Amino acid sequence: MNGFARLVVCAALGLTACEVEVATSDSTVQTKSTTQAVVLTQPGRRLLEVIKLLREVTGKGLKDAKDAVDSPPSVVGEGLTPAEAKALAQRFTDIGAKVELRTE
């Protein structure tokens, strides 16, 4: 709905309708900004362990996981909550890989 149509609806229905629409818009924005993606930027020296972890996390086959590790940057997790993203990133950094968190 464009701005003029919203104005007409708000004027016709009263201030309560405008407040409800603003609240709905704000919650939509918060929902979009709370998901994160974990991106593998450098696999580090322990490639075999990174491939194993990537297979465990994503369910990819050996060839797909190896290709993802060999050609960074690769998304290893997306649509995650901030806590899940941090936990996944920590698992990769514990084995020497470098990852970054991106807000979706």
N, C-alpha and C. Protein backbone atom coordinates (compact mmCIF):
# COMPACT_ATOMS: atom_id res chain seq x y z
N MET A 1 0.85 -1.17 0.00
CA MET A 1 0.00 0.00 0.00
C MET A 1 0.90 1.23 0.00
N ASN A 2 0.64 2.18 -0.90
CA ASN A 2 1.48 3.37 -0.96
C ASN A 2 1.13 4.34 0.17
N GLY A 3 1.92 5.38 0.31
CA GLY A 3 1.74 6.33 1.40
C GLY A 3 0.40 7.05 1.38
N PHE A 4 -0.08 7.42 0.18
CA PHE A 4 -1.36 8.11 0.09
C PHE A 4 -2.51 7.21 0.52
N ALA A 5 -2.48 5.97 0.08
CA ALA A 5 -3.54 5.02 0.45
C ALA A 5 -3.53 4.79 1.96
N ARG A 6 -2.35 4.70 2.56
CA ARG A 6 -2.27 4.53 4.01
C ARG A 6 -2.87 5.73 4.73
N LEU A 7 -2.58 6.93 4.20
CA LEU A 7 -3.11 8.15 4.81
C LEU A 7 -4.62 8.16 4.76
N VAL A 8 -5.21 7.76 3.64
CA VAL A 8 -6.66 7.73 3.50
C VAL A 8 -7.25 6.69 4.46
N VAL A 9 -6.64 5.52 4.55
CA VAL A 9 -7.13 4.48 5.44
C VAL A 9 -7.02 4.94 6.89
N CYS A 10 -5.91 5.56 7.26
CA CYS A 10 -5.73 6.04 8.63
C CYS A 10 -6.74 7.12 8.97
N ALA A 11 -6.99 8.01 8.03
CA ALA A 11 -7.96 9.08 8.27
C ALA A 11 -9.36 8.50 8.41
N ALA A 12 -9.68 7.49 7.62
CA ALA A 12 -11.01 6.91 7.67
C ALA A 12 -11.22 6.06 8.92
N LEU A 13 -10.20 5.34 9.33
CA LEU A 13 -10.34 4.42 10.45
C LEU A 13 -9.91 5.01 11.78
N GLY A 14 -9.19 6.09 11.77
CA GLY A 14 -8.73 6.69 13.01
C GLY A 14 -7.29 6.34 13.29
N LEU A 15 -6.77 6.91 14.36
CA LEU A 15 -5.36 6.77 14.71
C LEU A 15 -4.97 5.35 15.06
N THR A 16 -5.87 4.57 15.59
CA THR A 16 -5.55 3.20 16.00
C THR A 16 -5.05 2.37 14.83
N ALA A 17 -5.65 2.53 13.65
CA ALA A 17 -5.22 1.76 12.48
C ALA A 17 -3.79 2.11 12.10
N CYS A 18 -3.42 3.37 12.21
CA CYS A 18 -2.05 3.78 11.89
C CYS A 18 -1.06 3.17 12.87
N GLU A 19 -1.41 3.16 14.15
CA GLU A 19 -0.52 2.60 15.15
C GLU A 19 -0.33 1.10 14.94
N VAL A 20 -1.37 0.40 14.57
CA VAL A 20 -1.26 -1.04 14.32
C VAL A 20 -0.35 -1.31 13.14
N GLU A 21 -0.51 -0.52 12.08
CA GLU A 21 0.31 -0.73 10.89
C GLU A 21 1.78 -0.43 11.18
N VAL A 22 2.05 0.61 11.93
CA VAL A 22 3.43 0.94 12.28
C VAL A 22 4.03 -0.18 13.13
N ALA A 23 3.28 -0.70 14.08
CA ALA A 23 3.78 -1.79 14.91
C ALA A 23 4.07 -3.02 14.07
N THR A 24 3.21 -3.33 13.12
CA THR A 24 3.43 -4.48 12.24
C THR A 24 4.67 -4.27 11.40
N SER A 25 4.87 -3.09 10.88
CA SER A 25 6.04 -2.82 10.06
C SER A 25 7.32 -2.95 10.89
N ASP A 26 7.32 -2.45 12.11
CA ASP A 26 8.50 -2.54 12.96
C ASP A 26 8.85 -3.99 13.29
N SER A 27 7.84 -4.81 13.58
CA SER A 27 8.13 -6.20 13.92
C SER A 27 8.66 -6.96 12.71
N THR A 28 8.21 -6.60 11.51
CA THR A 28 8.71 -7.23 10.30
C THR A 28 10.18 -6.89 10.10
N VAL A 29 10.54 -5.65 10.34
CA VAL A 29 11.93 -5.23 10.20
C VAL A 29 12.80 -5.97 11.20
N GLN A 30 12.34 -6.12 12.44
CA GLN A 30 13.12 -6.82 13.45
C GLN A 30 13.31 -8.28 13.07
N THR A 31 12.30 -8.91 12.53
CA THR A 31 12.40 -10.31 12.15
C THR A 31 13.44 -10.49 11.06
N LYS A 32 13.45 -9.61 10.08
CA LYS A 32 14.40 -9.74 9.00
C LYS A 32 15.84 -9.55 9.47
N SER A 33 16.07 -8.65 10.40
CA SER A 33 17.43 -8.33 10.80
C SER A 33 17.98 -9.28 11.87
N THR A 34 17.17 -10.20 12.38
CA THR A 34 17.68 -11.08 13.43
C THR A 34 18.24 -12.38 12.89
N THR A 35 18.12 -12.65 11.60
CA THR A 35 18.72 -13.87 11.07
C THR A 35 20.11 -13.57 10.56
N GLN A 36 20.98 -14.53 10.74
CA GLN A 36 22.36 -14.35 10.33
C GLN A 36 22.84 -15.54 9.52
N ALA A 37 23.88 -15.30 8.76
CA ALA A 37 24.53 -16.35 7.99
C ALA A 37 25.97 -16.45 8.44
N VAL A 38 26.51 -17.66 8.43
CA VAL A 38 27.91 -17.90 8.75
C VAL A 38 28.62 -18.21 7.44
N VAL A 39 29.67 -17.45 7.15
CA VAL A 39 30.39 -17.59 5.89
C VAL A 39 31.83 -18.00 6.18
N LEU A 40 32.25 -19.10 5.57
CA LEU A 40 33.62 -19.58 5.69
C LEU A 40 34.50 -18.75 4.77
N THR A 41 35.45 -18.00 5.35
CA THR A 41 36.31 -17.14 4.55
C THR A 41 37.68 -17.76 4.29
N GLN A 42 38.21 -18.50 5.27
CA GLN A 42 39.48 -19.20 5.11
C GLN A 42 39.40 -20.52 5.88
N PRO A 43 39.67 -21.64 5.21
CA PRO A 43 39.55 -22.92 5.90
C PRO A 43 40.67 -23.22 6.89
N GLY A 44 41.78 -22.55 6.78
CA GLY A 44 42.89 -22.80 7.70
C GLY A 44 43.69 -24.02 7.26
N ARG A 45 44.47 -24.58 8.19
CA ARG A 45 45.38 -25.66 7.85
C ARG A 45 44.77 -27.05 8.04
N ARG A 46 43.72 -27.16 8.82
CA ARG A 46 43.11 -28.45 9.12
C ARG A 46 41.91 -28.70 8.20
N LEU A 47 42.21 -28.86 6.92
CA LEU A 47 41.16 -28.97 5.90
C LEU A 47 40.24 -30.16 6.14
N LEU A 48 40.78 -31.29 6.51
CA LEU A 48 39.97 -32.49 6.70
C LEU A 48 38.93 -32.27 7.80
N GLU A 49 39.33 -31.65 8.89
CA GLU A 49 38.40 -31.39 9.99
C GLU A 49 37.33 -30.37 9.58
N VAL A 50 37.72 -29.38 8.79
CA VAL A 50 36.75 -28.39 8.31
C VAL A 50 35.74 -29.06 7.38
N ILE A 51 36.21 -29.94 6.52
CA ILE A 51 35.31 -30.65 5.61
C ILE A 51 34.35 -31.54 6.41
N LYS A 52 34.86 -32.23 7.41
CA LYS A 52 34.01 -33.08 8.25
C LYS A 52 32.93 -32.26 8.96
N LEU A 53 33.33 -31.13 9.53
CA LEU A 53 32.38 -30.28 10.23
C LEU A 53 31.35 -29.70 9.25
N LEU A 54 31.80 -29.29 8.10
CA LEU A 54 30.89 -28.75 7.09
C LEU A 54 29.86 -29.80 6.67
N ARG A 55 30.30 -31.04 6.50
CA ARG A 55 29.37 -32.12 6.14
C ARG A 55 28.37 -32.36 7.26
N GLU A 56 28.85 -32.32 8.49
CA GLU A 56 27.97 -32.54 9.64
C GLU A 56 26.90 -31.45 9.74
N VAL A 57 27.32 -30.21 9.54
CA VAL A 57 26.42 -29.07 9.72
C VAL A 57 25.43 -28.94 8.57
N THR A 58 25.90 -29.11 7.34
CA THR A 58 25.04 -28.86 6.18
C THR A 58 24.40 -30.10 5.60
N GLY A 59 24.96 -31.27 5.88
CA GLY A 59 24.44 -32.49 5.28
C GLY A 59 24.90 -32.68 3.84
N LYS A 60 25.89 -31.91 3.41
CA LYS A 60 26.41 -32.03 2.05
C LYS A 60 27.23 -33.31 1.91
N GLY A 61 27.36 -33.74 0.67
CA GLY A 61 28.21 -34.88 0.38
C GLY A 61 29.67 -34.47 0.43
N LEU A 62 30.55 -35.46 0.33
CA LEU A 62 31.98 -35.20 0.43
C LEU A 62 32.47 -34.26 -0.67
N LYS A 63 32.06 -34.49 -1.90
CA LYS A 63 32.52 -33.64 -3.01
C LYS A 63 32.04 -32.20 -2.85
N ASP A 64 30.76 -32.01 -2.50
CA ASP A 64 30.23 -30.65 -2.32
C ASP A 64 30.90 -29.93 -1.17
N ALA A 65 31.15 -30.64 -0.08
CA ALA A 65 31.82 -30.03 1.07
C ALA A 65 33.25 -29.65 0.73
N LYS A 66 33.96 -30.54 0.01
CA LYS A 66 35.33 -30.25 -0.38
C LYS A 66 35.38 -29.05 -1.33
N ASP A 67 34.45 -28.99 -2.28
CA ASP A 67 34.38 -27.84 -3.20
C ASP A 67 34.12 -26.54 -2.45
N ALA A 68 33.23 -26.58 -1.45
CA ALA A 68 32.93 -25.38 -0.66
C ALA A 68 34.15 -24.91 0.13
N VAL A 69 34.92 -25.84 0.67
CA VAL A 69 36.12 -25.50 1.44
C VAL A 69 37.22 -24.99 0.52
N ASP A 70 37.33 -25.58 -0.67
CA ASP A 70 38.38 -25.19 -1.60
C ASP A 70 38.12 -23.85 -2.29
N SER A 71 36.90 -23.37 -2.27
CA SER A 71 36.59 -22.10 -2.97
C SER A 71 35.83 -21.15 -2.06
N PRO A 72 36.50 -20.64 -1.01
CA PRO A 72 35.83 -19.67 -0.14
C PRO A 72 35.64 -18.34 -0.87
N PRO A 73 34.75 -17.49 -0.48
CA PRO A 73 33.85 -17.62 0.67
C PRO A 73 32.66 -18.54 0.35
N SER A 74 32.29 -19.33 1.34
CA SER A 74 31.19 -20.27 1.21
C SER A 74 30.25 -20.12 2.40
N VAL A 75 28.97 -20.08 2.13
CA VAL A 75 27.98 -20.00 3.21
C VAL A 75 27.85 -21.38 3.82
N VAL A 76 28.09 -21.47 5.13
CA VAL A 76 28.00 -22.75 5.82
C VAL A 76 26.77 -22.85 6.71
N GLY A 77 26.10 -21.74 6.90
CA GLY A 77 24.85 -21.72 7.67
C GLY A 77 24.12 -20.44 7.39
N GLU A 78 22.81 -20.53 7.15
CA GLU A 78 22.04 -19.31 6.90
C GLU A 78 20.67 -19.43 7.56
N GLY A 79 20.08 -18.27 7.82
CA GLY A 79 18.78 -18.25 8.49
C GLY A 79 18.87 -18.62 9.96
N LEU A 80 20.01 -18.37 10.57
CA LEU A 80 20.25 -18.75 11.96
C LEU A 80 19.98 -17.58 12.90
N THR A 81 19.60 -17.90 14.11
CA THR A 81 19.48 -16.87 15.13
C THR A 81 20.90 -16.44 15.51
N PRO A 82 21.05 -15.27 16.11
CA PRO A 82 22.40 -14.83 16.49
C PRO A 82 23.13 -15.83 17.39
N ALA A 83 22.42 -16.46 18.32
CA ALA A 83 23.06 -17.43 19.21
C ALA A 83 23.52 -18.66 18.44
N GLU A 84 22.69 -19.15 17.53
CA GLU A 84 23.07 -20.31 16.72
C GLU A 84 24.26 -19.97 15.82
N ALA A 85 24.23 -18.78 15.24
CA ALA A 85 25.32 -18.36 14.35
C ALA A 85 26.63 -18.26 15.11
N LYS A 86 26.61 -17.71 16.31
CA LYS A 86 27.83 -17.60 17.11
C LYS A 86 28.35 -18.98 17.50
N ALA A 87 27.45 -19.89 17.85
CA ALA A 87 27.87 -21.24 18.23
C ALA A 87 28.50 -21.96 17.04
N LEU A 88 27.90 -21.82 15.87
CA LEU A 88 28.45 -22.46 14.67
C LEU A 88 29.80 -21.84 14.30
N ALA A 89 29.88 -20.52 14.37
CA ALA A 89 31.14 -19.84 14.07
C ALA A 89 32.23 -20.28 15.04
N GLN A 90 31.88 -20.47 16.29
CA GLN A 90 32.86 -20.91 17.29
C GLN A 90 33.38 -22.31 16.97
N ARG A 91 32.51 -23.18 16.50
CA ARG A 91 32.95 -24.55 16.14
C ARG A 91 33.97 -24.51 15.01
N PHE A 92 33.76 -23.63 14.04
CA PHE A 92 34.71 -23.53 12.94
C PHE A 92 36.02 -22.88 13.39
N THR A 93 35.93 -21.85 14.21
CA THR A 93 37.16 -21.19 14.66
C THR A 93 37.97 -22.08 15.60
N ASP A 94 37.30 -22.98 16.33
CA ASP A 94 38.01 -23.90 17.21
C ASP A 94 38.94 -24.83 16.45
N ILE A 95 38.63 -25.10 15.18
CA ILE A 95 39.50 -25.99 14.40
C ILE A 95 40.40 -25.20 13.43
N GLY A 96 40.44 -23.89 13.60
CA GLY A 96 41.38 -23.07 12.84
C GLY A 96 40.85 -22.38 11.61
N ALA A 97 39.58 -22.54 11.31
CA ALA A 97 39.00 -21.87 10.15
C ALA A 97 38.61 -20.44 10.52
N LYS A 98 38.55 -19.57 9.52
CA LYS A 98 38.10 -18.21 9.75
C LYS A 98 36.73 -18.04 9.10
N VAL A 99 35.81 -17.51 9.89
CA VAL A 99 34.44 -17.30 9.40
C VAL A 99 34.01 -15.89 9.75
N GLU A 100 32.97 -15.44 9.08
CA GLU A 100 32.37 -14.14 9.44
C GLU A 100 30.88 -14.31 9.50
N LEU A 101 30.27 -13.48 10.34
CA LEU A 101 28.82 -13.48 10.49
C LEU A 101 28.24 -12.34 9.66
N ARG A 102 27.22 -12.65 8.90
CA ARG A 102 26.55 -11.63 8.09
C ARG A 102 25.07 -11.60 8.45
N THR A 103 24.55 -10.41 8.60
CA THR A 103 23.13 -10.25 8.87
C THR A 103 22.38 -10.35 7.55
N GLU A 104 21.35 -11.18 7.57
CA GLU A 104 20.56 -11.38 6.34
C GLU A 104 19.43 -10.38 6.26
